[in-house]
Amino acid sequence: MQNYSEKTFKNLKTDAPAGPSAALQVGLFCFFVMTRAIHPTIIDASKSVDPETGKKYFAYGEMTVVLGETVVTLIVAQMMALALGGMKEWKAIWDPKPMKVFSFIGFVYAIGDFLEMASMGSLGGAAYQVLLQSKLLIT
């Protein structure tokens, strides 16, 4: 068992970084709340109306949105890794051990995104918003 003393941590910095300001935290919180609040409305507005039945439908495949979002996220994440950590950080992304874990998590999120788009195909924006908000009761 490891024995610790005052000498063990003598070189440890005790000044913690301040972190983002309260205004930035509130601003980001409001941004993300607004994004999640208008998300179903935007998806519902992207539907086309069948002139014969008057029923709304997606004029594009449900996976198109999921794949598009994944490609954009991949590109932005790669650029952030290069900008913030350089080539060393970028190469660390491709380490197989953590990639297995995060790939599985990404796969589960992709399934969730697909199911979200599939449910939006038959629900209106308002009904879907209620469904999203009900998740708060469960989680």
Protein backbone atom coordinates (compact mmCIF):
# COMPACT_ATOMS: atom_id res chain seq x y z
CA MET A 1 0.00 0.00 0.00
CA GLN A 2 1.25 3.49 -0.90
CA ASN A 3 2.32 5.69 2.01
CA TYR A 4 1.74 9.40 1.59
CA SER A 5 3.37 12.25 3.44
CA GLU A 6 3.66 16.01 3.09
CA LYS A 7 6.64 15.44 0.79
CA THR A 8 4.61 13.37 -1.66
CA PHE A 9 2.63 16.36 -2.91
CA LYS A 10 5.08 19.21 -2.25
CA ASN A 11 5.35 20.13 -5.95
CA LEU A 12 1.62 20.01 -6.54
CA LYS A 13 0.11 23.33 -7.62
CA THR A 14 -2.65 24.35 -5.24
CA ASP A 15 -4.07 27.19 -7.33
CA ALA A 16 -7.00 25.79 -9.27
CA PRO A 17 -7.88 27.52 -12.55
CA ALA A 18 -10.79 29.92 -12.24
CA GLY A 19 -12.74 28.37 -15.10
CA PRO A 20 -15.29 30.18 -17.22
CA SER A 21 -17.04 33.23 -15.82
CA ALA A 22 -20.56 33.03 -14.44
CA ALA A 23 -21.85 35.09 -17.38
CA LEU A 24 -20.33 32.67 -19.88
CA GLN A 25 -21.80 29.70 -18.02
CA VAL A 26 -25.27 31.29 -18.00
CA GLY A 27 -24.93 32.23 -21.66
CA LEU A 28 -23.93 28.70 -22.66
CA PHE A 29 -26.74 27.23 -20.57
CA CYS A 30 -29.29 29.49 -22.28
CA PHE A 31 -27.83 28.65 -25.70
CA PHE A 32 -28.13 24.91 -25.15
CA VAL A 33 -31.61 25.17 -23.64
CA MET A 34 -32.75 27.27 -26.61
CA THR A 35 -31.15 24.84 -29.04
CA ARG A 36 -32.98 21.87 -27.53
CA ALA A 37 -36.21 23.86 -27.33
CA ILE A 38 -36.32 24.86 -31.01
CA HIS A 39 -34.82 21.61 -32.33
CA PRO A 40 -38.17 19.79 -32.83
CA THR A 41 -39.70 22.91 -34.41
CA ILE A 42 -36.93 23.10 -37.00
CA ILE A 43 -37.24 19.40 -37.78
CA ASP A 44 -41.02 19.71 -38.12
CA ALA A 45 -40.62 22.75 -40.40
CA SER A 46 -38.31 20.72 -42.67
CA LYS A 47 -41.12 18.32 -43.54
CA SER A 48 -42.88 18.42 -46.89
CA VAL A 49 -46.64 18.07 -47.29
CA ASP A 50 -48.12 15.40 -49.55
CA PRO A 51 -50.61 17.30 -51.77
CA GLU A 52 -52.93 14.30 -52.11
CA THR A 53 -53.23 13.31 -48.45
CA GLY A 54 -52.08 16.49 -46.70
CA LYS A 55 -49.79 14.35 -44.55
CA LYS A 56 -46.33 15.61 -43.63
CA TYR A 57 -43.26 13.55 -44.48
CA PHE A 58 -39.51 13.91 -44.76
CA ALA A 59 -38.38 14.61 -48.32
CA TYR A 60 -35.03 13.10 -47.38
CA GLY A 61 -33.90 9.88 -45.73
CA GLU A 62 -33.94 9.81 -41.95
CA MET A 63 -30.30 8.72 -41.84
CA THR A 64 -29.24 11.69 -43.99
CA VAL A 65 -29.45 14.04 -41.02
CA VAL A 66 -27.63 11.62 -38.72
CA LEU A 67 -24.83 11.04 -41.23
CA GLY A 68 -24.54 14.77 -42.01
CA GLU A 69 -24.29 15.65 -38.31
CA THR A 70 -21.70 12.93 -37.79
CA VAL A 71 -19.51 14.17 -40.63
CA VAL A 72 -19.67 17.77 -39.39
CA THR A 73 -18.87 16.67 -35.82
CA LEU A 74 -15.94 14.58 -37.04
CA ILE A 75 -14.46 17.47 -39.03
CA VAL A 76 -14.93 20.01 -36.23
CA ALA A 77 -13.46 17.65 -33.61
CA GLN A 78 -10.42 16.96 -35.80
CA MET A 79 -9.83 20.69 -36.30
CA MET A 80 -10.23 21.39 -32.58
CA ALA A 81 -7.74 18.65 -31.69
CA LEU A 82 -5.21 20.09 -34.11
CA ALA A 83 -5.79 23.70 -33.02
CA LEU A 84 -5.73 23.07 -29.27
CA GLY A 85 -3.25 20.21 -28.95
CA GLY A 86 -1.30 20.08 -32.16
CA MET A 87 -0.28 16.92 -33.98
CA LYS A 88 0.38 15.03 -30.73
CA GLU A 89 -3.21 15.53 -29.56
CA TRP A 90 -4.58 14.68 -33.00
CA LYS A 91 -2.62 11.41 -33.11
CA ALA A 92 -3.96 10.53 -29.63
CA ILE A 93 -7.48 10.49 -31.10
CA TRP A 94 -6.57 7.46 -33.17
CA ASP A 95 -5.34 5.33 -30.25
CA PRO A 96 -7.30 2.04 -30.64
CA LYS A 97 -8.06 1.46 -26.93
CA PRO A 98 -10.09 4.63 -26.24
CA MET A 99 -11.42 4.63 -29.80
CA LYS A 100 -13.21 1.33 -29.10
CA VAL A 101 -14.97 2.83 -26.09
CA PHE A 102 -15.93 6.10 -27.76
CA SER A 103 -16.95 4.36 -30.99
CA PHE A 104 -19.44 2.26 -29.03
CA ILE A 105 -20.80 5.37 -27.30
CA GLY A 106 -21.07 7.12 -30.68
CA PHE A 107 -22.86 4.12 -32.15
CA VAL A 108 -25.43 4.19 -29.34
CA TYR A 109 -25.95 7.92 -29.87
CA ALA A 110 -26.38 7.33 -33.62
CA ILE A 111 -29.11 4.79 -32.90
CA GLY A 112 -30.79 7.35 -30.63
CA ASP A 113 -30.55 10.02 -33.34
CA PHE A 114 -32.02 7.64 -35.92
CA LEU A 115 -34.90 6.74 -33.61
CA GLU A 116 -35.45 10.45 -32.93
CA MET A 117 -35.73 11.17 -36.66
CA ALA A 118 -37.97 8.13 -37.17
CA SER A 119 -40.33 9.29 -34.43
CA MET A 120 -40.40 12.81 -35.83
CA GLY A 121 -41.69 11.33 -39.07
CA SER A 122 -45.00 10.54 -37.43
CA LEU A 123 -45.14 13.17 -34.67
CA GLY A 124 -45.69 16.89 -34.93
CA GLY A 125 -43.19 19.32 -33.44
CA ALA A 126 -45.37 20.10 -30.41
CA ALA A 127 -46.01 16.45 -29.57
CA TYR A 128 -42.35 15.64 -29.94
CA GLN A 129 -41.39 18.57 -27.69
CA VAL A 130 -43.65 17.16 -24.96
CA LEU A 131 -42.00 13.75 -25.44
CA LEU A 132 -38.53 15.32 -25.08
CA GLN A 133 -39.54 17.18 -21.93
CA SER A 134 -40.98 14.02 -20.41
CA LYS A 135 -37.49 12.51 -20.53
CA LEU A 136 -36.63 14.91 -17.70
CA LEU A 137 -39.02 13.04 -15.43
CA ILE A 138 -37.30 9.75 -16.19
CA THR A 139 -33.70 10.90 -16.02
